[in-house]
Amino acid sequence: MKQLTIQDLPLEGIKAIVFDLDGTLYDNKYLPLRLIFGDIKNARLLASERNIRRMLKGLNFGNPDAFYNNMFEHIARRQNMPFMDARDWYFGKYMPLMINVLKKHYHAGEFAEPLLKQLRGKGIVTAVFSDYRNVEDKLNALGLDPDLFDYHFAAPDLGGLKPNKQLFLNILKELGVDAQQALMIGDREDTDGAGARNVGMKFLKV
């Protein structure tokens, strides 16, 4: 993956930088396949979760409970299973599996730690923004100290998924900066890029 340096960043007028996690701070190649092999008996559930996330992409339900209830209802309906079984699988098996797979097979890009330290030295606020919960656990699994970021954001905890405009506005409010003073760094135009540009943030694709 690209080894970002501080010279690569358009920092003029920037007071805060928001980093996407998956695919940006580490190369997530083969992650879906490794998740399937890690829980082969629930391969259909894994596929269903990914498909439903695509369906919910860009929506905002207002709060995390509403988001997760909607997602688990869709999973339960598609897999013909009780709602609570879908919920228990997701939080009890799927998310721990993801952390274990990250810890076993993936590591944060070598650029990440020195870049974050340089940005902090310049007084630039940094945040990480993931489409999944357990942000701190994922960073630890990748060997990246969560304290290198000033803020951690999970889209579901904000009520939806990227590129919903309100999620990005909520982040800007929490960071205390105007959109023109914030830079989003991510690997996807359709989520990271679209969400950032919809609120007037700069976007850098890696």
C-alpha atoms as a PDB file:
ATOM      1  CA  MET A   1       0.000   0.000   0.000  1.00  0.00           C
ATOM      2  CA  LYS A   2       1.031   3.595  -0.486  1.00  0.00           C
ATOM      3  CA  GLN A   3       3.425   4.794   2.213  1.00  0.00           C
ATOM      4  CA  LEU A   4       1.939   8.200   2.983  1.00  0.00           C
ATOM      5  CA  THR A   5       4.266  10.953   4.129  1.00  0.00           C
ATOM      6  CA  ILE A   6       3.403  14.337   5.509  1.00  0.00           C
ATOM      7  CA  GLN A   7       4.627  15.851   2.235  1.00  0.00           C
ATOM      8  CA  ASP A   8       1.799  14.032   0.425  1.00  0.00           C
ATOM      9  CA  LEU A   9      -0.884  15.877   2.393  1.00  0.00           C
ATOM     10  CA  PRO A  10      -2.506  19.174   1.326  1.00  0.00           C
ATOM     11  CA  LEU A  11      -2.163  20.778   4.754  1.00  0.00           C
ATOM     12  CA  GLU A  12      -2.694  24.432   3.936  1.00  0.00           C
ATOM     13  CA  GLY A  13      -5.542  25.683   6.108  1.00  0.00           C
ATOM     14  CA  ILE A  14      -6.128  22.207   7.571  1.00  0.00           C
ATOM     15  CA  LYS A  15      -6.787  21.882  11.308  1.00  0.00           C
ATOM     16  CA  ALA A  16      -8.105  18.299  11.438  1.00  0.00           C
ATOM     17  CA  ILE A  17      -7.548  15.086   9.478  1.00  0.00           C
ATOM     18  CA  VAL A  18      -9.958  12.145   9.494  1.00  0.00           C
ATOM     19  CA  PHE A  19      -8.544   8.760   8.460  1.00  0.00           C
ATOM     20  CA  ASP A  20     -10.646   5.896   7.183  1.00  0.00           C
ATOM     21  CA  LEU A  21      -9.554   2.628   8.811  1.00  0.00           C
ATOM     22  CA  ASP A  22     -10.082  -0.442   6.619  1.00  0.00           C
ATOM     23  CA  GLY A  23      -8.103  -0.273   3.397  1.00  0.00           C
ATOM     24  CA  THR A  24      -6.450   3.017   4.357  1.00  0.00           C
ATOM     25  CA  LEU A  25      -4.460   2.439   7.530  1.00  0.00           C
ATOM     26  CA  TYR A  26      -3.799  -1.145   6.462  1.00  0.00           C
ATOM     27  CA  ASP A  27      -4.094  -3.213   3.293  1.00  0.00           C
ATOM     28  CA  ASN A  28      -7.301  -5.221   3.775  1.00  0.00           C
ATOM     29  CA  LYS A  29      -6.794  -7.486   0.774  1.00  0.00           C
ATOM     30  CA  TYR A  30      -8.428 -10.924   1.223  1.00  0.00           C
ATOM     31  CA  LEU A  31     -10.186  -9.837   4.441  1.00  0.00           C
ATOM     32  CA  PRO A  32     -13.683 -11.068   3.385  1.00  0.00           C
ATOM     33  CA  LEU A  33     -12.223 -14.422   2.293  1.00  0.00           C
ATOM     34  CA  ARG A  34     -10.321 -14.849   5.540  1.00  0.00           C
ATOM     35  CA  LEU A  35     -13.442 -14.044   7.528  1.00  0.00           C
ATOM     36  CA  ILE A  36     -15.345 -16.742   5.638  1.00  0.00           C
ATOM     37  CA  PHE A  37     -12.638 -19.348   6.226  1.00  0.00           C
ATOM     38  CA  GLY A  38     -12.579 -18.306   9.888  1.00  0.00           C
ATOM     39  CA  ASP A  39     -16.253 -19.213  10.294  1.00  0.00           C
ATOM     40  CA  ILE A  40     -17.043 -21.440   7.345  1.00  0.00           C
ATOM     41  CA  LYS A  41     -20.260 -22.836   8.838  1.00  0.00           C
ATOM     42  CA  ASN A  42     -21.683 -19.311   8.906  1.00  0.00           C
ATOM     43  CA  ALA A  43     -20.503 -18.354   5.424  1.00  0.00           C
ATOM     44  CA  ARG A  44     -24.062 -17.480   4.355  1.00  0.00           C
ATOM     45  CA  LEU A  45     -24.457 -15.197   7.354  1.00  0.00           C
ATOM     46  CA  LEU A  46     -21.192 -13.463   6.540  1.00  0.00           C
ATOM     47  CA  ALA A  47     -22.259 -12.929   2.945  1.00  0.00           C
ATOM     48  CA  SER A  48     -25.661 -11.681   4.050  1.00  0.00           C
ATOM     49  CA  GLU A  49     -24.095  -9.138   6.430  1.00  0.00           C
ATOM     50  CA  ARG A  50     -21.935  -7.701   3.658  1.00  0.00           C
ATOM     51  CA  ASN A  51     -24.853  -7.527   1.210  1.00  0.00           C
ATOM     52  CA  ILE A  52     -27.078  -5.776   3.731  1.00  0.00           C
ATOM     53  CA  ARG A  53     -24.343  -3.257   4.498  1.00  0.00           C
ATOM     54  CA  ARG A  54     -24.235  -2.418   0.799  1.00  0.00           C
ATOM     55  CA  MET A  55     -27.999  -1.957   0.864  1.00  0.00           C
ATOM     56  CA  LEU A  56     -27.795   0.349   3.907  1.00  0.00           C
ATOM     57  CA  LYS A  57     -24.804   2.313   2.597  1.00  0.00           C
ATOM     58  CA  GLY A  58     -25.322   6.039   2.964  1.00  0.00           C
ATOM     59  CA  LEU A  59     -28.404   5.786   5.169  1.00  0.00           C
ATOM     60  CA  ASN A  60     -28.798   7.377   8.592  1.00  0.00           C
ATOM     61  CA  PHE A  61     -31.157   5.953  11.207  1.00  0.00           C
ATOM     62  CA  GLY A  62     -30.419   8.599  13.809  1.00  0.00           C
ATOM     63  CA  ASN A  63     -28.908   6.422  16.527  1.00  0.00           C
ATOM     64  CA  PRO A  64     -26.966   3.142  16.874  1.00  0.00           C
ATOM     65  CA  ASP A  65     -29.870   1.071  18.215  1.00  0.00           C
ATOM     66  CA  ALA A  66     -32.043   1.968  15.236  1.00  0.00           C
ATOM     67  CA  PHE A  67     -29.233   1.157  12.804  1.00  0.00           C
ATOM     68  CA  TYR A  68     -28.426  -2.218  14.318  1.00  0.00           C
ATOM     69  CA  ASN A  69     -32.081  -3.175  14.749  1.00  0.00           C
ATOM     70  CA  ASN A  70     -32.629  -2.506  11.053  1.00  0.00           C
ATOM     71  CA  MET A  71     -29.562  -4.499  10.045  1.00  0.00           C
ATOM     72  CA  PHE A  72     -30.386  -7.475  12.268  1.00  0.00           C
ATOM     73  CA  GLU A  73     -33.993  -7.526  11.068  1.00  0.00           C
ATOM     74  CA  HIS A  74     -32.738  -7.800   7.489  1.00  0.00           C
ATOM     75  CA  ILE A  75     -30.266 -10.549   8.409  1.00  0.00           C
ATOM     76  CA  ALA A  76     -32.903 -12.490  10.360  1.00  0.00           C
ATOM     77  CA  ARG A  77     -35.376 -12.234   7.486  1.00  0.00           C
ATOM     78  CA  ARG A  78     -32.878 -13.307   4.838  1.00  0.00           C
ATOM     79  CA  GLN A  79     -31.492 -16.183   6.890  1.00  0.00           C
ATOM     80  CA  ASN A  80     -34.862 -17.243   8.350  1.00  0.00           C
ATOM     81  CA  MET A  81     -33.564 -16.988  11.894  1.00  0.00           C
ATOM     82  CA  PRO A  82     -34.667 -15.218  15.110  1.00  0.00           C
ATOM     83  CA  PHE A  83     -33.673 -11.571  15.463  1.00  0.00           C
ATOM     84  CA  MET A  84     -31.751 -12.219  18.703  1.00  0.00           C
ATOM     85  CA  ASP A  85     -29.787 -15.051  17.064  1.00  0.00           C
ATOM     86  CA  ALA A  86     -28.666 -12.644  14.347  1.00  0.00           C
ATOM     87  CA  ARG A  87     -27.697 -10.075  16.966  1.00  0.00           C
ATOM     88  CA  ASP A  88     -25.847 -12.613  19.120  1.00  0.00           C
ATOM     89  CA  TRP A  89     -23.956 -13.961  16.104  1.00  0.00           C
ATOM     90  CA  TYR A  90     -22.859 -10.484  15.047  1.00  0.00           C
ATOM     91  CA  PHE A  91     -21.634  -9.230  18.411  1.00  0.00           C
ATOM     92  CA  GLY A  92     -20.620 -12.576  19.895  1.00  0.00           C
ATOM     93  CA  LYS A  93     -18.920 -14.258  16.921  1.00  0.00           C
ATOM     94  CA  TYR A  94     -18.505 -12.021  13.895  1.00  0.00           C
ATOM     95  CA  MET A  95     -16.883  -8.976  15.513  1.00  0.00           C
ATOM     96  CA  PRO A  96     -14.501 -11.076  17.670  1.00  0.00           C
ATOM     97  CA  LEU A  97     -13.631 -13.064  14.521  1.00  0.00           C
ATOM     98  CA  MET A  98     -12.779  -9.853  12.688  1.00  0.00           C
ATOM     99  CA  ILE A  99     -10.447  -8.765  15.498  1.00  0.00           C
ATOM    100  CA  ASN A 100      -8.736 -12.177  15.522  1.00  0.00           C
ATOM    101  CA  VAL A 101      -8.285 -12.184  11.743  1.00  0.00           C
ATOM    102  CA  LEU A 102      -6.803  -8.698  11.816  1.00  0.00           C
ATOM    103  CA  LYS A 103      -4.412  -9.647  14.597  1.00  0.00           C
ATOM    104  CA  LYS A 104      -3.285 -12.803  12.781  1.00  0.00           C
ATOM    105  CA  HIS A 105      -2.984 -11.557   9.200  1.00  0.00           C
ATOM    106  CA  TYR A 106      -2.758  -7.761   9.091  1.00  0.00           C
ATOM    107  CA  HIS A 107      -0.641  -4.904  10.351  1.00  0.00           C
ATOM    108  CA  ALA A 108      -0.978  -1.156  10.114  1.00  0.00           C
ATOM    109  CA  GLY A 109       0.969   0.498   7.327  1.00  0.00           C
ATOM    110  CA  GLU A 110       4.490   1.496   8.327  1.00  0.00           C
ATOM    111  CA  PHE A 111       3.643   5.103   7.511  1.00  0.00           C
ATOM    112  CA  ALA A 112       0.844   5.376  10.068  1.00  0.00           C
ATOM    113  CA  GLU A 113       2.605   5.861  13.402  1.00  0.00           C
ATOM    114  CA  PRO A 114       5.278   8.348  12.263  1.00  0.00           C
ATOM    115  CA  LEU A 115       2.735  10.318  10.236  1.00  0.00           C
ATOM    116  CA  LEU A 116       0.308  10.583  13.144  1.00  0.00           C
ATOM    117  CA  LYS A 117       3.096  11.730  15.453  1.00  0.00           C
ATOM    118  CA  GLN A 118       4.192  14.364  12.942  1.00  0.00           C
ATOM    119  CA  LEU A 119       0.642  15.663  12.591  1.00  0.00           C
ATOM    120  CA  ARG A 120       0.266  15.892  16.350  1.00  0.00           C
ATOM    121  CA  GLY A 121       3.535  17.801  16.488  1.00  0.00           C
ATOM    122  CA  LYS A 122       2.050  20.317  14.061  1.00  0.00           C
ATOM    123  CA  GLY A 123      -1.028  20.733  16.249  1.00  0.00           C
ATOM    124  CA  ILE A 124      -3.355  19.037  13.731  1.00  0.00           C
ATOM    125  CA  VAL A 125      -6.236  17.100  15.282  1.00  0.00           C
ATOM    126  CA  THR A 126      -6.500  13.505  14.028  1.00  0.00           C
ATOM    127  CA  ALA A 127      -9.434  11.103  13.992  1.00  0.00           C
ATOM    128  CA  VAL A 128     -10.167   7.618  12.693  1.00  0.00           C
ATOM    129  CA  PHE A 129     -13.565   6.883  11.157  1.00  0.00           C
ATOM    130  CA  SER A 130     -14.644   3.274  10.579  1.00  0.00           C
ATOM    131  CA  ASP A 131     -17.837   1.760   9.184  1.00  0.00           C
ATOM    132  CA  TYR A 132     -17.615  -0.801  12.016  1.00  0.00           C
ATOM    133  CA  ARG A 133     -17.608  -0.655  15.791  1.00  0.00           C
ATOM    134  CA  ASN A 134     -14.731  -1.853  17.970  1.00  0.00           C
ATOM    135  CA  VAL A 135     -12.400   0.792  16.541  1.00  0.00           C
ATOM    136  CA  GLU A 136      -9.945   0.634  19.446  1.00  0.00           C
ATOM    137  CA  ASP A 137      -9.862  -3.178  19.358  1.00  0.00           C
ATOM    138  CA  LYS A 138      -9.175  -3.116  15.621  1.00  0.00           C
ATOM    139  CA  LEU A 139      -6.362  -0.586  16.003  1.00  0.00           C
ATOM    140  CA  ASN A 140      -4.779  -2.669  18.767  1.00  0.00           C
ATOM    141  CA  ALA A 141      -5.077  -5.811  16.619  1.00  0.00           C
ATOM    142  CA  LEU A 142      -3.261  -3.977  13.832  1.00  0.00           C
ATOM    143  CA  GLY A 143      -0.475  -2.923  16.176  1.00  0.00           C
ATOM    144  CA  LEU A 144      -1.417   0.753  16.121  1.00  0.00           C
ATOM    145  CA  ASP A 145      -1.834   2.600  19.426  1.00  0.00           C
ATOM    146  CA  PRO A 146      -5.391   4.044  19.569  1.00  0.00           C
ATOM    147  CA  ASP A 147      -4.037   6.997  21.558  1.00  0.00           C
ATOM    148  CA  LEU A 148      -2.240   8.231  18.433  1.00  0.00           C
ATOM    149  CA  PHE A 149      -5.672   9.527  17.364  1.00  0.00           C
ATOM    150  CA  ASP A 150      -7.448  12.318  19.187  1.00  0.00           C
ATOM    151  CA  TYR A 151     -10.881  10.941  18.235  1.00  0.00           C
ATOM    152  CA  HIS A 152     -12.351   7.554  17.304  1.00  0.00           C
ATOM    153  CA  PHE A 153     -15.595   7.397  15.311  1.00  0.00           C
ATOM    154  CA  ALA A 154     -17.674   4.374  14.268  1.00  0.00           C
ATOM    155  CA  ALA A 155     -20.362   5.062  11.691  1.00  0.00           C
ATOM    156  CA  PRO A 156     -22.964   2.776  13.363  1.00  0.00           C
ATOM    157  CA  ASP A 157     -22.513   4.681  16.639  1.00  0.00           C
ATOM    158  CA  LEU A 158     -23.402   7.823  14.693  1.00  0.00           C
ATOM    159  CA  GLY A 159     -26.538   6.112  13.405  1.00  0.00           C
ATOM    160  CA  GLY A 160     -25.689   4.915   9.907  1.00  0.00           C
ATOM    161  CA  LEU A 161     -23.028   4.220   7.309  1.00  0.00           C
ATOM    162  CA  LYS A 162     -20.797   6.261   5.036  1.00  0.00           C
ATOM    163  CA  PRO A 163     -21.247   8.335   2.900  1.00  0.00           C
ATOM    164  CA  ASN A 164     -24.243   9.751   4.769  1.00  0.00           C
ATOM    165  CA  LYS A 165     -23.845  13.504   5.027  1.00  0.00           C
ATOM    166  CA  GLN A 166     -25.077  13.826   8.602  1.00  0.00           C
ATOM    167  CA  LEU A 167     -22.396  11.456   9.911  1.00  0.00           C
ATOM    168  CA  PHE A 168     -19.672  13.696   8.513  1.00  0.00           C
ATOM    169  CA  LEU A 169     -21.387  16.807   9.872  1.00  0.00           C
ATOM    170  CA  ASN A 170     -21.526  15.196  13.314  1.00  0.00           C
ATOM    171  CA  ILE A 171     -17.808  14.465  13.132  1.00  0.00           C
ATOM    172  CA  LEU A 172     -16.978  18.042  12.124  1.00  0.00           C
ATOM    173  CA  LYS A 173     -19.029  19.330  15.040  1.00  0.00           C
ATOM    174  CA  GLU A 174     -17.211  17.023  17.455  1.00  0.00           C
ATOM    175  CA  LEU A 175     -13.830  18.067  16.050  1.00  0.00           C
ATOM    176  CA  GLY A 176     -14.805  21.723  16.339  1.00  0.00           C
ATOM    177  CA  VAL A 177     -13.679  22.680  12.833  1.00  0.00           C
ATOM    178  CA  ASP A 178     -15.308  23.967   9.667  1.00  0.00           C
ATOM    179  CA  ALA A 179     -15.496  21.620   6.678  1.00  0.00           C
ATOM    180  CA  GLN A 180     -12.871  23.628   4.772  1.00  0.00           C
ATOM    181  CA  GLN A 181     -10.456  23.067   7.647  1.00  0.00           C
ATOM    182  CA  ALA A 182     -10.788  19.274   7.548  1.00  0.00           C
ATOM    183  CA  LEU A 183      -9.221  16.636   5.311  1.00  0.00           C
ATOM    184  CA  MET A 184     -10.600  13.109   4.843  1.00  0.00           C
ATOM    185  CA  ILE A 185      -8.094  10.412   3.864  1.00  0.00           C
ATOM    186  CA  GLY A 186      -9.550   7.158   2.568  1.00  0.00           C
ATOM    187  CA  ASP A 187      -9.363   4.435  -0.055  1.00  0.00           C
ATOM    188  CA  ARG A 188     -12.889   4.652  -1.507  1.00  0.00           C
ATOM    189  CA  GLU A 189     -14.405   7.404  -3.605  1.00  0.00           C
ATOM    190  CA  ASP A 190     -17.965   6.138  -3.086  1.00  0.00           C
ATOM    191  CA  THR A 191     -17.879   6.251   0.724  1.00  0.00           C
ATOM    192  CA  ASP A 192     -14.970   8.290   2.095  1.00  0.00           C
ATOM    193  CA  GLY A 193     -14.752  10.654  -0.863  1.00  0.00           C
ATOM    194  CA  ALA A 194     -18.465  11.160  -1.431  1.00  0.00           C
ATOM    195  CA  GLY A 195     -19.172  11.743   2.252  1.00  0.00           C
ATOM    196  CA  ALA A 196     -16.349  14.250   2.628  1.00  0.00           C
ATOM    197  CA  ARG A 197     -17.189  16.213  -0.502  1.00  0.00           C
ATOM    198  CA  ASN A 198     -20.895  16.333   0.376  1.00  0.00           C
ATOM    199  CA  VAL A 199     -20.060  18.482   3.402  1.00  0.00           C
ATOM    200  CA  GLY A 200     -17.255  20.491   1.811  1.00  0.00           C
ATOM    201  CA  MET A 201     -14.263  18.640   3.225  1.00  0.00           C
ATOM    202  CA  LYS A 202     -11.146  18.019   1.177  1.00  0.00           C
ATOM    203  CA  PHE A 203     -10.499  14.391   0.253  1.00  0.00           C
ATOM    204  CA  LEU A 204      -7.264  12.507  -0.432  1.00  0.00           C
ATOM    205  CA  LYS A 205      -7.534   9.014  -1.884  1.00  0.00           C
ATOM    206  CA  VAL A 206      -4.889   6.432  -1.055  1.00  0.00           C
END
